[in-house]
C-alpha atoms as a PDB file:
ATOM      1  CA  UNK A   1     -12.605 -24.842  -7.284  1.00  0.00           C
ATOM      2  CA  UNK A   2      -9.376 -22.687  -7.553  1.00  0.00           C
ATOM      3  CA  UNK A   3     -11.451 -19.776  -8.689  1.00  0.00           C
ATOM      4  CA  UNK A   4     -13.664 -20.292  -6.300  1.00  0.00           C
ATOM      5  CA  UNK A   5     -10.681 -19.882  -3.962  1.00  0.00           C
ATOM      6  CA  UNK A   6      -9.461 -17.103  -5.378  1.00  0.00           C
ATOM      7  CA  UNK A   7     -12.557 -15.111  -5.134  1.00  0.00           C
ATOM      8  CA  UNK A   8     -13.178 -15.893  -1.578  1.00  0.00           C
ATOM      9  CA  UNK A   9      -9.330 -14.671  -0.931  1.00  0.00           C
ATOM     10  CA  UNK A  10     -10.255 -11.107  -2.963  1.00  0.00           C
ATOM     11  CA  UNK A  11     -13.558 -11.250  -0.609  1.00  0.00           C
ATOM     12  CA  UNK A  12     -11.596 -10.878   2.296  1.00  0.00           C
ATOM     13  CA  UNK A  13     -12.644 -10.002   5.947  1.00  0.00           C
ATOM     14  CA  UNK A  14     -15.176  -7.106   6.906  1.00  0.00           C
ATOM     15  CA  UNK A  15     -12.964  -4.621   9.368  1.00  0.00           C
ATOM     16  CA  UNK A  16     -15.325  -2.395  11.584  1.00  0.00           C
ATOM     17  CA  UNK A  17     -14.318   1.425  10.685  1.00  0.00           C
ATOM     18  CA  UNK A  18     -14.795   2.710  14.211  1.00  0.00           C
ATOM     19  CA  UNK A  19     -12.352  -0.136  15.343  1.00  0.00           C
ATOM     20  CA  UNK A  20      -9.992   1.050  13.312  1.00  0.00           C
ATOM     21  CA  UNK A  21     -10.662   4.477  14.628  1.00  0.00           C
ATOM     22  CA  UNK A  22     -10.306   3.609  18.236  1.00  0.00           C
ATOM     23  CA  UNK A  23      -6.775   1.561  17.378  1.00  0.00           C
ATOM     24  CA  UNK A  24      -5.364   4.739  15.800  1.00  0.00           C
ATOM     25  CA  UNK A  25      -5.921   7.086  18.494  1.00  0.00           C
ATOM     26  CA  UNK A  26      -5.199   4.743  21.172  1.00  0.00           C
ATOM     27  CA  UNK A  27      -1.837   3.943  19.335  1.00  0.00           C
ATOM     28  CA  UNK A  28      -1.255   7.501  18.598  1.00  0.00           C
ATOM     29  CA  UNK A  29      -1.873   7.997  22.574  1.00  0.00           C
ATOM     30  CA  UNK A  30       0.071   5.611  23.769  1.00  0.00           C
ATOM     31  CA  UNK A  31       2.840   6.309  21.410  1.00  0.00           C
ATOM     32  CA  UNK A  32       2.997  10.314  22.248  1.00  0.00           C
ATOM     33  CA  UNK A  33       3.593   9.603  26.189  1.00  0.00           C
ATOM     34  CA  UNK A  34       5.400   6.240  26.014  1.00  0.00           C
ATOM     35  CA  UNK A  35       7.493   6.066  22.874  1.00  0.00           C
ATOM     36  CA  UNK A  36      11.101   6.936  22.868  1.00  0.00           C
ATOM     37  CA  UNK A  37      11.924   8.764  19.480  1.00  0.00           C
ATOM     38  CA  UNK A  38      13.707   5.670  17.655  1.00  0.00           C
ATOM     39  CA  UNK A  39      10.366   3.696  18.049  1.00  0.00           C
ATOM     40  CA  UNK A  40       8.253   7.390  17.060  1.00  0.00           C
ATOM     41  CA  UNK A  41      10.296   7.243  13.975  1.00  0.00           C
ATOM     42  CA  UNK A  42       9.538   3.676  13.097  1.00  0.00           C
ATOM     43  CA  UNK A  43       6.255   3.857  13.337  1.00  0.00           C
ATOM     44  CA  UNK A  44       5.855   7.122  11.477  1.00  0.00           C
ATOM     45  CA  UNK A  45       7.714   5.234   8.557  1.00  0.00           C
ATOM     46  CA  UNK A  46       5.340   2.369   9.059  1.00  0.00           C
ATOM     47  CA  UNK A  47       2.418   4.636   9.069  1.00  0.00           C
ATOM     48  CA  UNK A  48       3.705   6.517   6.048  1.00  0.00           C
ATOM     49  CA  UNK A  49       4.239   3.549   3.288  1.00  0.00           C
ATOM     50  CA  UNK A  50       0.715   1.615   4.515  1.00  0.00           C
ATOM     51  CA  UNK A  51      -0.194   4.413   2.269  1.00  0.00           C
ATOM     52  CA  UNK A  52       0.621   2.908  -0.983  1.00  0.00           C
ATOM     53  CA  UNK A  53       0.440  -0.713   0.657  1.00  0.00           C
ATOM     54  CA  UNK A  54      -3.039   0.315   0.460  1.00  0.00           C
ATOM     55  CA  UNK A  55      -3.468   1.924  -2.647  1.00  0.00           C
ATOM     56  CA  UNK A  56      -2.155  -1.166  -4.032  1.00  0.00           C
ATOM     57  CA  UNK A  57      -4.095  -3.520  -1.866  1.00  0.00           C
ATOM     58  CA  UNK A  58      -7.424  -1.326  -3.402  1.00  0.00           C
ATOM     59  CA  UNK A  59      -5.661  -1.863  -7.141  1.00  0.00           C
ATOM     60  CA  UNK A  60      -4.157  -5.136  -7.193  1.00  0.00           C
ATOM     61  CA  UNK A  61      -5.924  -6.812  -3.839  1.00  0.00           C
ATOM     62  CA  UNK A  62      -9.848  -6.280  -4.670  1.00  0.00           C
ATOM     63  CA  UNK A  63      -9.687  -5.110  -8.186  1.00  0.00           C
ATOM     64  CA  UNK A  64      -7.130  -7.110  -9.904  1.00  0.00           C
ATOM     65  CA  UNK A  65      -5.103  -5.001 -11.689  1.00  0.00           C
ATOM     66  CA  UNK A  66      -1.276  -5.599 -10.745  1.00  0.00           C
ATOM     67  CA  UNK A  67       0.911  -2.045 -10.402  1.00  0.00           C
ATOM     68  CA  UNK A  68       5.253  -1.840  -9.721  1.00  0.00           C
ATOM     69  CA  UNK A  69       4.713   2.098 -10.647  1.00  0.00           C
ATOM     70  CA  UNK A  70       3.772   3.593  -7.663  1.00  0.00           C
ATOM     71  CA  UNK A  71       7.263   4.659  -6.924  1.00  0.00           C
ATOM     72  CA  UNK A  72       6.364   7.119  -9.737  1.00  0.00           C
ATOM     73  CA  UNK A  73       3.287   9.007  -8.019  1.00  0.00           C
ATOM     74  CA  UNK A  74       5.003   8.263  -4.615  1.00  0.00           C
ATOM     75  CA  UNK A  75       8.009  10.514  -6.074  1.00  0.00           C
ATOM     76  CA  UNK A  76       5.189  12.864  -7.606  1.00  0.00           C
ATOM     77  CA  UNK A  77       3.721  13.626  -4.491  1.00  0.00           C
ATOM     78  CA  UNK A  78       7.305  14.281  -2.592  1.00  0.00           C
ATOM     79  CA  UNK A  79       8.497  16.806  -5.709  1.00  0.00           C
ATOM     80  CA  UNK A  80       5.657  18.603  -6.122  1.00  0.00           C
ATOM     81  CA  UNK A  81       5.039  19.495  -2.368  1.00  0.00           C
ATOM     82  CA  UNK A  82       8.981  19.900  -2.208  1.00  0.00           C
ATOM     83  CA  UNK A  83       9.136  22.605  -4.699  1.00  0.00           C
ATOM     84  CA  UNK A  84       6.055  24.243  -4.006  1.00  0.00           C
ATOM     85  CA  UNK A  85       7.541  25.182  -0.450  1.00  0.00           C
ATOM     86  CA  UNK A  86      10.756  25.599  -0.963  1.00  0.00           C
ATOM     87  CA  UNK A  87      10.849  28.224  -4.309  1.00  0.00           C
ATOM     88  CA  UNK A  88       6.956  29.105  -4.346  1.00  0.00           C
ATOM     89  CA  UNK A  89       6.720  29.175  -0.377  1.00  0.00           C
ATOM     90  CA  UNK A  90       3.538  27.706   0.139  1.00  0.00           C
ATOM     91  CA  UNK A  91       2.269  26.198   3.228  1.00  0.00           C
ATOM     92  CA  UNK A  92       3.181  22.345   3.637  1.00  0.00           C
ATOM     93  CA  UNK A  93      -0.593  21.116   3.045  1.00  0.00           C
ATOM     94  CA  UNK A  94      -0.575  23.179  -0.190  1.00  0.00           C
ATOM     95  CA  UNK A  95       2.033  21.715  -1.658  1.00  0.00           C
ATOM     96  CA  UNK A  96       0.377  18.080  -0.497  1.00  0.00           C
ATOM     97  CA  UNK A  97      -2.969  19.385  -2.109  1.00  0.00           C
ATOM     98  CA  UNK A  98      -0.476  20.203  -5.319  1.00  0.00           C
ATOM     99  CA  UNK A  99       0.904  16.694  -4.948  1.00  0.00           C
ATOM    100  CA  UNK A 100      -2.448  15.612  -5.136  1.00  0.00           C
ATOM    101  CA  UNK A 101      -3.465  17.152  -8.287  1.00  0.00           C
ATOM    102  CA  UNK A 102      -0.279  16.095 -10.115  1.00  0.00           C
ATOM    103  CA  UNK A 103      -0.318  12.643  -9.547  1.00  0.00           C
ATOM    104  CA  UNK A 104      -4.251  12.280  -9.548  1.00  0.00           C
ATOM    105  CA  UNK A 105      -3.713  14.219 -13.094  1.00  0.00           C
ATOM    106  CA  UNK A 106      -0.540  11.762 -14.098  1.00  0.00           C
ATOM    107  CA  UNK A 107      -2.586   8.850 -13.176  1.00  0.00           C
ATOM    108  CA  UNK A 108      -5.517   9.404 -15.412  1.00  0.00           C
ATOM    109  CA  UNK A 109      -3.442  10.210 -18.700  1.00  0.00           C
ATOM    110  CA  UNK A 110      -1.074   7.625 -18.016  1.00  0.00           C
ATOM    111  CA  UNK A 111      -4.094   5.126 -16.866  1.00  0.00           C
ATOM    112  CA  UNK A 112      -6.445   4.945 -19.675  1.00  0.00           C
ATOM    113  CA  UNK A 113      -4.651   3.579 -21.791  1.00  0.00           C
ATOM    114  CA  UNK A 114      -2.095   1.505 -19.585  1.00  0.00           C
ATOM    115  CA  UNK A 115      -4.871  -0.108 -18.246  1.00  0.00           C
ATOM    116  CA  UNK A 116      -6.423  -1.743 -21.588  1.00  0.00           C
ATOM    117  CA  UNK A 117      -3.936  -4.368 -20.812  1.00  0.00           C
ATOM    118  CA  UNK A 118      -3.854  -7.187 -18.623  1.00  0.00           C
ATOM    119  CA  UNK A 119      -2.109  -9.180 -16.164  1.00  0.00           C
ATOM    120  CA  UNK A 120       2.171  -9.087 -16.464  1.00  0.00           C
ATOM    121  CA  UNK A 121       1.924  -7.278 -19.343  1.00  0.00           C
ATOM    122  CA  UNK A 122       0.395  -4.342 -17.358  1.00  0.00           C
ATOM    123  CA  UNK A 123       3.085  -4.795 -14.579  1.00  0.00           C
ATOM    124  CA  UNK A 124       5.682  -4.550 -16.957  1.00  0.00           C
ATOM    125  CA  UNK A 125       4.142  -1.152 -18.285  1.00  0.00           C
ATOM    126  CA  UNK A 126       3.469   0.395 -15.110  1.00  0.00           C
ATOM    127  CA  UNK A 127       6.906  -0.913 -14.361  1.00  0.00           C
ATOM    128  CA  UNK A 128       8.193   1.075 -17.597  1.00  0.00           C
ATOM    129  CA  UNK A 129       6.618   4.303 -16.099  1.00  0.00           C
ATOM    130  CA  UNK A 130       8.166   3.763 -12.674  1.00  0.00           C
ATOM    131  CA  UNK A 131      11.412   3.806 -14.811  1.00  0.00           C
ATOM    132  CA  UNK A 132      10.473   7.221 -16.963  1.00  0.00           C
ATOM    133  CA  UNK A 133       9.573   9.148 -13.825  1.00  0.00           C
ATOM    134  CA  UNK A 134      12.482   9.151 -11.827  1.00  0.00           C
ATOM    135  CA  UNK A 135      14.524   9.284 -15.251  1.00  0.00           C
ATOM    136  CA  UNK A 136      13.009  12.788 -15.136  1.00  0.00           C
ATOM    137  CA  UNK A 137      13.690  13.479 -11.420  1.00  0.00           C
ATOM    138  CA  UNK A 138      17.051  13.132 -12.424  1.00  0.00           C
ATOM    139  CA  UNK A 139      17.521  14.652 -15.543  1.00  0.00           C
ATOM    140  CA  UNK A 140      15.123  17.742 -15.334  1.00  0.00           C
ATOM    141  CA  UNK A 141      17.892  19.315 -13.602  1.00  0.00           C
ATOM    142  CA  UNK A 142      16.747  22.812 -14.187  1.00  0.00           C
ATOM    143  CA  UNK A 143      13.364  21.817 -12.173  1.00  0.00           C
ATOM    144  CA  UNK A 144      14.413  18.963  -9.877  1.00  0.00           C
ATOM    145  CA  UNK A 145      18.206  19.904  -9.345  1.00  0.00           C
ATOM    146  CA  UNK A 146      19.016  16.781 -10.609  1.00  0.00           C
ATOM    147  CA  UNK A 147      20.828  14.169  -8.329  1.00  0.00           C
ATOM    148  CA  UNK A 148      21.810  16.480  -5.914  1.00  0.00           C
ATOM    149  CA  UNK A 149      17.958  16.381  -4.894  1.00  0.00           C
ATOM    150  CA  UNK A 150      15.851  19.270  -2.764  1.00  0.00           C
ATOM    151  CA  UNK A 151      17.049  20.231   0.392  1.00  0.00           C
ATOM    152  CA  UNK A 152      15.429  22.285   3.743  1.00  0.00           C
ATOM    153  CA  UNK A 153      12.018  21.432   3.236  1.00  0.00           C
ATOM    154  CA  UNK A 154      10.261  22.690   5.862  1.00  0.00           C
ATOM    155  CA  UNK A 155       9.600  19.294   8.540  1.00  0.00           C
ATOM    156  CA  UNK A 156       6.791  18.337   9.759  1.00  0.00           C
ATOM    157  CA  UNK A 157       7.659  18.884  12.945  1.00  0.00           C
ATOM    158  CA  UNK A 158       9.324  17.288  16.074  1.00  0.00           C
ATOM    159  CA  UNK A 159       8.893  13.650  16.117  1.00  0.00           C
ATOM    160  CA  UNK A 160       6.134  12.998  18.454  1.00  0.00           C
ATOM    161  CA  UNK A 161       4.509  16.011  16.008  1.00  0.00           C
ATOM    162  CA  UNK A 162       5.327  13.820  12.569  1.00  0.00           C
ATOM    163  CA  UNK A 163       3.949  10.638  14.328  1.00  0.00           C
ATOM    164  CA  UNK A 164       0.718  11.882  15.469  1.00  0.00           C
ATOM    165  CA  UNK A 165       0.022  13.410  12.216  1.00  0.00           C
ATOM    166  CA  UNK A 166       1.275  10.901   9.842  1.00  0.00           C
ATOM    167  CA  UNK A 167      -1.142   8.172  12.277  1.00  0.00           C
ATOM    168  CA  UNK A 168      -3.640  10.572  11.771  1.00  0.00           C
ATOM    169  CA  UNK A 169      -3.630  10.354   8.278  1.00  0.00           C
ATOM    170  CA  UNK A 170      -3.060   7.089   8.116  1.00  0.00           C
ATOM    171  CA  UNK A 171      -5.925   6.509  10.263  1.00  0.00           C
ATOM    172  CA  UNK A 172      -8.704   8.032   8.467  1.00  0.00           C
ATOM    173  CA  UNK A 173      -7.555   6.515   5.255  1.00  0.00           C
ATOM    174  CA  UNK A 174      -8.087   3.357   6.405  1.00  0.00           C
ATOM    175  CA  UNK A 175     -11.732   4.690   8.321  1.00  0.00           C
ATOM    176  CA  UNK A 176     -12.534   5.482   5.191  1.00  0.00           C
ATOM    177  CA  UNK A 177     -11.298   2.416   3.075  1.00  0.00           C
ATOM    178  CA  UNK A 178     -12.998   0.272   5.712  1.00  0.00           C
ATOM    179  CA  UNK A 179     -16.634   2.280   4.908  1.00  0.00           C
ATOM    180  CA  UNK A 180     -15.976   1.531   1.409  1.00  0.00           C
ATOM    181  CA  UNK A 181     -15.007  -1.803   2.158  1.00  0.00           C
ATOM    182  CA  UNK A 182     -18.540  -2.073   3.251  1.00  0.00           C
ATOM    183  CA  UNK A 183     -20.440  -0.449   0.781  1.00  0.00           C
ATOM    184  CA  UNK A 184     -21.556  -0.747  -3.034  1.00  0.00           C
ATOM    185  CA  UNK A 185     -18.002   0.457  -4.288  1.00  0.00           C
ATOM    186  CA  UNK A 186     -15.733  -2.354  -2.522  1.00  0.00           C
ATOM    187  CA  UNK A 187     -18.756  -4.900  -3.846  1.00  0.00           C
ATOM    188  CA  UNK A 188     -17.980  -2.906  -7.567  1.00  0.00           C
ATOM    189  CA  UNK A 189     -13.804  -3.134  -6.891  1.00  0.00           C
ATOM    190  CA  UNK A 190     -14.148  -7.204  -6.282  1.00  0.00           C
ATOM    191  CA  UNK A 191     -16.642  -7.702  -9.025  1.00  0.00           C
ATOM    192  CA  UNK A 192     -14.112  -6.121 -11.548  1.00  0.00           C
ATOM    193  CA  UNK A 193     -11.401  -8.687  -9.504  1.00  0.00           C
ATOM    194  CA  UNK A 194     -13.370 -11.381  -9.721  1.00  0.00           C
ATOM    195  CA  UNK A 195     -15.196 -10.895 -13.379  1.00  0.00           C
ATOM    196  CA  UNK A 196     -14.521  -8.399 -16.162  1.00  0.00           C
ATOM    197  CA  UNK A 197     -17.173  -9.337 -18.492  1.00  0.00           C
ATOM    198  CA  UNK A 198     -19.825 -10.081 -16.160  1.00  0.00           C
ATOM    199  CA  UNK A 199     -19.284  -7.037 -14.760  1.00  0.00           C
ATOM    200  CA  UNK A 200     -19.454  -5.189 -18.249  1.00  0.00           C
ATOM    201  CA  UNK A 201     -22.935  -6.779 -18.992  1.00  0.00           C
ATOM    202  CA  UNK A 202     -24.032  -5.098 -16.166  1.00  0.00           C
ATOM    203  CA  UNK A 203     -23.606  -1.692 -17.519  1.00  0.00           C
ATOM    204  CA  UNK A 204     -20.462  -0.844 -15.439  1.00  0.00           C
ATOM    205  CA  UNK A 205     -17.690   0.117 -17.598  1.00  0.00           C
ATOM    206  CA  UNK A 206     -14.928  -1.917 -16.127  1.00  0.00           C
ATOM    207  CA  UNK A 207     -12.266   0.610 -18.098  1.00  0.00           C
ATOM    208  CA  UNK A 208     -13.473   3.429 -15.849  1.00  0.00           C
ATOM    209  CA  UNK A 209     -13.746   1.999 -12.834  1.00  0.00           C
ATOM    210  CA  UNK A 210     -10.051   0.367 -13.292  1.00  0.00           C
ATOM    211  CA  UNK A 211      -8.631   4.090 -14.272  1.00  0.00           C
ATOM    212  CA  UNK A 212     -11.004   5.489 -11.046  1.00  0.00           C
ATOM    213  CA  UNK A 213      -8.829   3.058  -8.947  1.00  0.00           C
ATOM    214  CA  UNK A 214      -6.299   3.789 -10.474  1.00  0.00           C
ATOM    215  CA  UNK A 215      -6.155   7.603  -9.669  1.00  0.00           C
ATOM    216  CA  UNK A 216      -7.075   6.387  -5.899  1.00  0.00           C
ATOM    217  CA  UNK A 217      -4.668   4.383  -5.212  1.00  0.00           C
ATOM    218  CA  UNK A 218      -1.889   6.964  -7.128  1.00  0.00           C
ATOM    219  CA  UNK A 219      -3.334   9.705  -4.008  1.00  0.00           C
ATOM    220  CA  UNK A 220      -2.645   7.657  -1.571  1.00  0.00           C
ATOM    221  CA  UNK A 221       1.253   7.080  -2.785  1.00  0.00           C
ATOM    222  CA  UNK A 222       1.346  11.074  -3.492  1.00  0.00           C
ATOM    223  CA  UNK A 223       0.027  11.854   0.014  1.00  0.00           C
ATOM    224  CA  UNK A 224       3.243   9.522   1.616  1.00  0.00           C
ATOM    225  CA  UNK A 225       5.431  11.376  -0.851  1.00  0.00           C
ATOM    226  CA  UNK A 226       4.525  14.973   0.585  1.00  0.00           C
ATOM    227  CA  UNK A 227       4.705  12.484   3.699  1.00  0.00           C
ATOM    228  CA  UNK A 228       8.270  11.455   3.067  1.00  0.00           C
ATOM    229  CA  UNK A 229       9.422  14.671   1.648  1.00  0.00           C
ATOM    230  CA  UNK A 230       8.424  17.239   4.791  1.00  0.00           C
ATOM    231  CA  UNK A 231       9.372  14.256   7.126  1.00  0.00           C
ATOM    232  CA  UNK A 232      13.661  13.986   6.098  1.00  0.00           C
ATOM    233  CA  UNK A 233      13.391  17.950   4.875  1.00  0.00           C
ATOM    234  CA  UNK A 234      15.207  15.705   2.047  1.00  0.00           C
ATOM    235  CA  UNK A 235      14.784  13.905  -1.690  1.00  0.00           C
ATOM    236  CA  UNK A 236      16.738  12.811  -4.290  1.00  0.00           C
ATOM    237  CA  UNK A 237      15.914  10.189  -7.193  1.00  0.00           C
ATOM    238  CA  UNK A 238      17.291   7.423  -5.380  1.00  0.00           C
ATOM    239  CA  UNK A 239      14.256   7.338  -2.922  1.00  0.00           C
ATOM    240  CA  UNK A 240      11.755   6.527  -5.976  1.00  0.00           C
ATOM    241  CA  UNK A 241      13.162   4.293  -7.641  1.00  0.00           C
ATOM    242  CA  UNK A 242      12.183   0.760  -8.652  1.00  0.00           C
ATOM    243  CA  UNK A 243      12.941  -0.912  -4.857  1.00  0.00           C
ATOM    244  CA  UNK A 244      10.137   1.334  -3.854  1.00  0.00           C
ATOM    245  CA  UNK A 245       7.681   0.031  -5.653  1.00  0.00           C
ATOM    246  CA  UNK A 246       8.471  -3.530  -4.975  1.00  0.00           C
ATOM    247  CA  UNK A 247       8.315  -2.873  -0.920  1.00  0.00           C
ATOM    248  CA  UNK A 248       4.822  -1.246  -1.371  1.00  0.00           C
ATOM    249  CA  UNK A 249       4.122  -4.709  -3.562  1.00  0.00           C
ATOM    250  CA  UNK A 250       6.108  -6.540  -0.621  1.00  0.00           C
ATOM    251  CA  UNK A 251       3.923  -5.413   2.181  1.00  0.00           C
ATOM    252  CA  UNK A 252       0.459  -5.519   0.134  1.00  0.00           C
ATOM    253  CA  UNK A 253       1.497  -9.431  -0.116  1.00  0.00           C
ATOM    254  CA  UNK A 254       2.696  -9.793   3.309  1.00  0.00           C
ATOM    255  CA  UNK A 255      -0.426  -8.407   4.981  1.00  0.00           C
ATOM    256  CA  UNK A 256      -2.868 -10.671   2.390  1.00  0.00           C
ATOM    257  CA  UNK A 257      -4.601  -9.433  -0.800  1.00  0.00           C
ATOM    258  CA  UNK A 258      -8.185  -8.619  -0.600  1.00  0.00           C
ATOM    259  CA  UNK A 259      -8.099  -7.422   3.348  1.00  0.00           C
ATOM    260  CA  UNK A 260      -8.464  -3.758   4.800  1.00  0.00           C
ATOM    261  CA  UNK A 261      -5.518  -3.960   7.415  1.00  0.00           C
ATOM    262  CA  UNK A 262      -3.212  -5.861   4.641  1.00  0.00           C
ATOM    263  CA  UNK A 263      -1.036  -2.785   3.836  1.00  0.00           C
ATOM    264  CA  UNK A 264      -0.611  -1.713   7.355  1.00  0.00           C
ATOM    265  CA  UNK A 265       0.245  -5.273   8.216  1.00  0.00           C
ATOM    266  CA  UNK A 266       2.377  -5.293   5.745  1.00  0.00           C
ATOM    267  CA  UNK A 267       4.387  -2.029   6.481  1.00  0.00           C
ATOM    268  CA  UNK A 268       4.623  -3.073   9.964  1.00  0.00           C
ATOM    269  CA  UNK A 269       6.416  -6.056   9.387  1.00  0.00           C
ATOM    270  CA  UNK A 270       8.392  -4.864   6.653  1.00  0.00           C
ATOM    271  CA  UNK A 271       9.585  -1.906   8.909  1.00  0.00           C
ATOM    272  CA  UNK A 272      10.073  -3.828  11.793  1.00  0.00           C
ATOM    273  CA  UNK A 273      12.663  -6.332   9.889  1.00  0.00           C
ATOM    274  CA  UNK A 274      15.273  -2.953  10.111  1.00  0.00           C
ATOM    275  CA  UNK A 275      14.004  -1.729  13.015  1.00  0.00           C
ATOM    276  CA  UNK A 276      14.617  -4.604  14.840  1.00  0.00           C
ATOM    277  CA  UNK A 277      18.010  -6.455  12.992  1.00  0.00           C
ATOM    278  CA  UNK A 278      19.362  -2.472  12.541  1.00  0.00           C
ATOM    279  CA  UNK A 279      22.741  -4.460  13.333  1.00  0.00           C
ATOM    280  CA  UNK A 280      22.618  -6.407   9.985  1.00  0.00           C
ATOM    281  CA  UNK A 281      20.866  -3.542   7.852  1.00  0.00           C
ATOM    282  CA  UNK A 282      23.472  -4.803   5.167  1.00  0.00           C
ATOM    283  CA  UNK A 283      20.956  -8.064   4.960  1.00  0.00           C
ATOM    284  CA  UNK A 284      17.757  -6.460   4.566  1.00  0.00           C
ATOM    285  CA  UNK A 285      16.858  -6.872   0.784  1.00  0.00           C
ATOM    286  CA  UNK A 286      17.951 -11.053   2.113  1.00  0.00           C
ATOM    287  CA  UNK A 287      15.184 -10.802   4.507  1.00  0.00           C
ATOM    288  CA  UNK A 288      12.986  -8.724   2.696  1.00  0.00           C
ATOM    289  CA  UNK A 289      13.515 -11.955  -0.096  1.00  0.00           C
ATOM    290  CA  UNK A 290      12.907 -14.610   2.672  1.00  0.00           C
ATOM    291  CA  UNK A 291       9.741 -13.326   3.885  1.00  0.00           C
ATOM    292  CA  UNK A 292       8.078 -13.252   0.031  1.00  0.00           C
ATOM    293  CA  UNK A 293       9.043 -16.812  -0.184  1.00  0.00           C
ATOM    294  CA  UNK A 294       7.996 -17.899   3.319  1.00  0.00           C
ATOM    295  CA  UNK A 295       4.723 -16.098   3.126  1.00  0.00           C
ATOM    296  CA  UNK A 296       4.051 -17.272  -0.705  1.00  0.00           C
ATOM    297  CA  UNK A 297       4.516 -20.366   0.088  1.00  0.00           C
ATOM    298  CA  UNK A 298       3.258 -20.942   3.950  1.00  0.00           C
ATOM    299  CA  UNK A 299       0.817 -18.293   3.985  1.00  0.00           C
ATOM    300  CA  UNK A 300      -0.365 -18.030   0.409  1.00  0.00           C
ATOM    301  CA  UNK A 301      -3.135 -15.521   1.817  1.00  0.00           C
ATOM    302  CA  UNK A 302      -1.307 -13.316   3.380  1.00  0.00           C
ATOM    303  CA  UNK A 303      -0.136 -12.950   7.348  1.00  0.00           C
ATOM    304  CA  UNK A 304      -4.020 -11.796   7.753  1.00  0.00           C
ATOM    305  CA  UNK A 305      -5.039 -14.775   6.303  1.00  0.00           C
ATOM    306  CA  UNK A 306      -3.149 -17.319   9.043  1.00  0.00           C
ATOM    307  CA  UNK A 307      -5.867 -17.440  11.168  1.00  0.00           C
ATOM    308  CA  UNK A 308      -8.209 -18.094   8.305  1.00  0.00           C
ATOM    309  CA  UNK A 309      -5.754 -20.872   6.846  1.00  0.00           C
ATOM    310  CA  UNK A 310      -5.105 -22.622  10.343  1.00  0.00           C
ATOM    311  CA  UNK A 311      -9.014 -23.089  11.368  1.00  0.00           C
ATOM    312  CA  UNK A 312      -9.548 -24.484   7.972  1.00  0.00           C
ATOM    313  CA  UNK A 313      -6.637 -27.043   8.819  1.00  0.00           C
ATOM    314  CA  UNK A 314      -8.236 -27.870  11.854  1.00  0.00           C
ATOM    315  CA  UNK A 315     -11.661 -28.535  10.671  1.00  0.00           C
ATOM    316  CA  UNK A 316      -9.903 -30.893   7.827  1.00  0.00           C
ATOM    317  CA  UNK A 317      -8.411 -32.639  10.394  1.00  0.00           C
ATOM    318  CA  UNK A 318     -11.478 -33.078  12.700  1.00  0.00           C
ATOM    319  CA  UNK A 319     -13.498 -34.501   9.450  1.00  0.00           C
ATOM    320  CA  UNK A 320     -10.648 -37.083   8.923  1.00  0.00           C
ATOM    321  CA  UNK A 321     -10.609 -37.843  12.646  1.00  0.00           C
ATOM    322  CA  UNK A 322     -14.269 -38.053  12.325  1.00  0.00           C
ATOM    323  CA  UNK A 323     -14.511 -40.248   8.727  1.00  0.00           C
ATOM    324  CA  UNK A 324     -11.748 -42.635  10.335  1.00  0.00           C
ATOM    325  CA  UNK A 325     -13.750 -42.925  13.605  1.00  0.00           C
ATOM    326  CA  UNK A 326     -16.634 -43.803  11.736  1.00  0.00           C
ATOM    327  CA  UNK A 327     -14.578 -46.530   9.532  1.00  0.00           C
ATOM    328  CA  UNK A 328     -13.114 -47.954  12.627  1.00  0.00           C
ATOM    329  CA  UNK A 329     -17.189 -48.471  14.015  1.00  0.00           C
ATOM    330  CA  UNK A 330     -18.388 -49.511  10.840  1.00  0.00           C
ATOM    331  CA  UNK A 331     -15.553 -52.496  10.606  1.00  0.00           C
END
């Protein structure tokens, strides 16, 4: 019974790609004309963080492969784009493309051996990857400038322009993810999360599928890293530590695994906590912890599973009431 529930949770709820596109365009339009600069900044950060959260959703929520190493790809995208634009004079788009290429190659190289292990062993292995990459950022001073970081990175533009660009990228990405969710690839990913052996018996290599998903999730983290670098115009190794990986996983868990919207909802919730409680920023880590515990205890399917959980509770309540009425009549 528990396996069936877990499988149903991973299947999630199909979301219409057109609805995502219309919602994204509407938010961009409203934000452009009515949001003050502060909330434009908050919205940009939410949209940016929703990309690696979506990558983790595909990797863990669908394919069932845990990862605490996506801060590494987030950092690779940021550093590749920053170095390409500040030292080579490339345009920002080309720098982001270089970050995607570097992250994809790195994910493929490390993914082939790492993804042969499972469960908490895989989580620990990817955690080690994040620690190693951060160490490289700190110690390759001839390339990364060490802990001093890299500054004077070309900006995305004014606050409203950065908001429109970032949310536009996030909207397009989620539209593609929704299309994938509706198609054969989404079915394959859910099959991988349900039963690798059964999947292999159908002639589909689980290793190839897992590596492909790992590369795609790394690319999404890389794109977010490039946006991060050009939005802040300064990066340093401390921004890409293990805490960033934990933050991405937190967003996905709070949103709800197995649902296309999960990463975005999680990014909105996690982004809203410091925005609305800016006077208590020193307690942000505590609030994140409380949020995770509350979701795990009361809403195991995430924020997007609240409605489904309420409907299930109501149906159970009605059935219990009907049974009690039938018992009283029979007596």
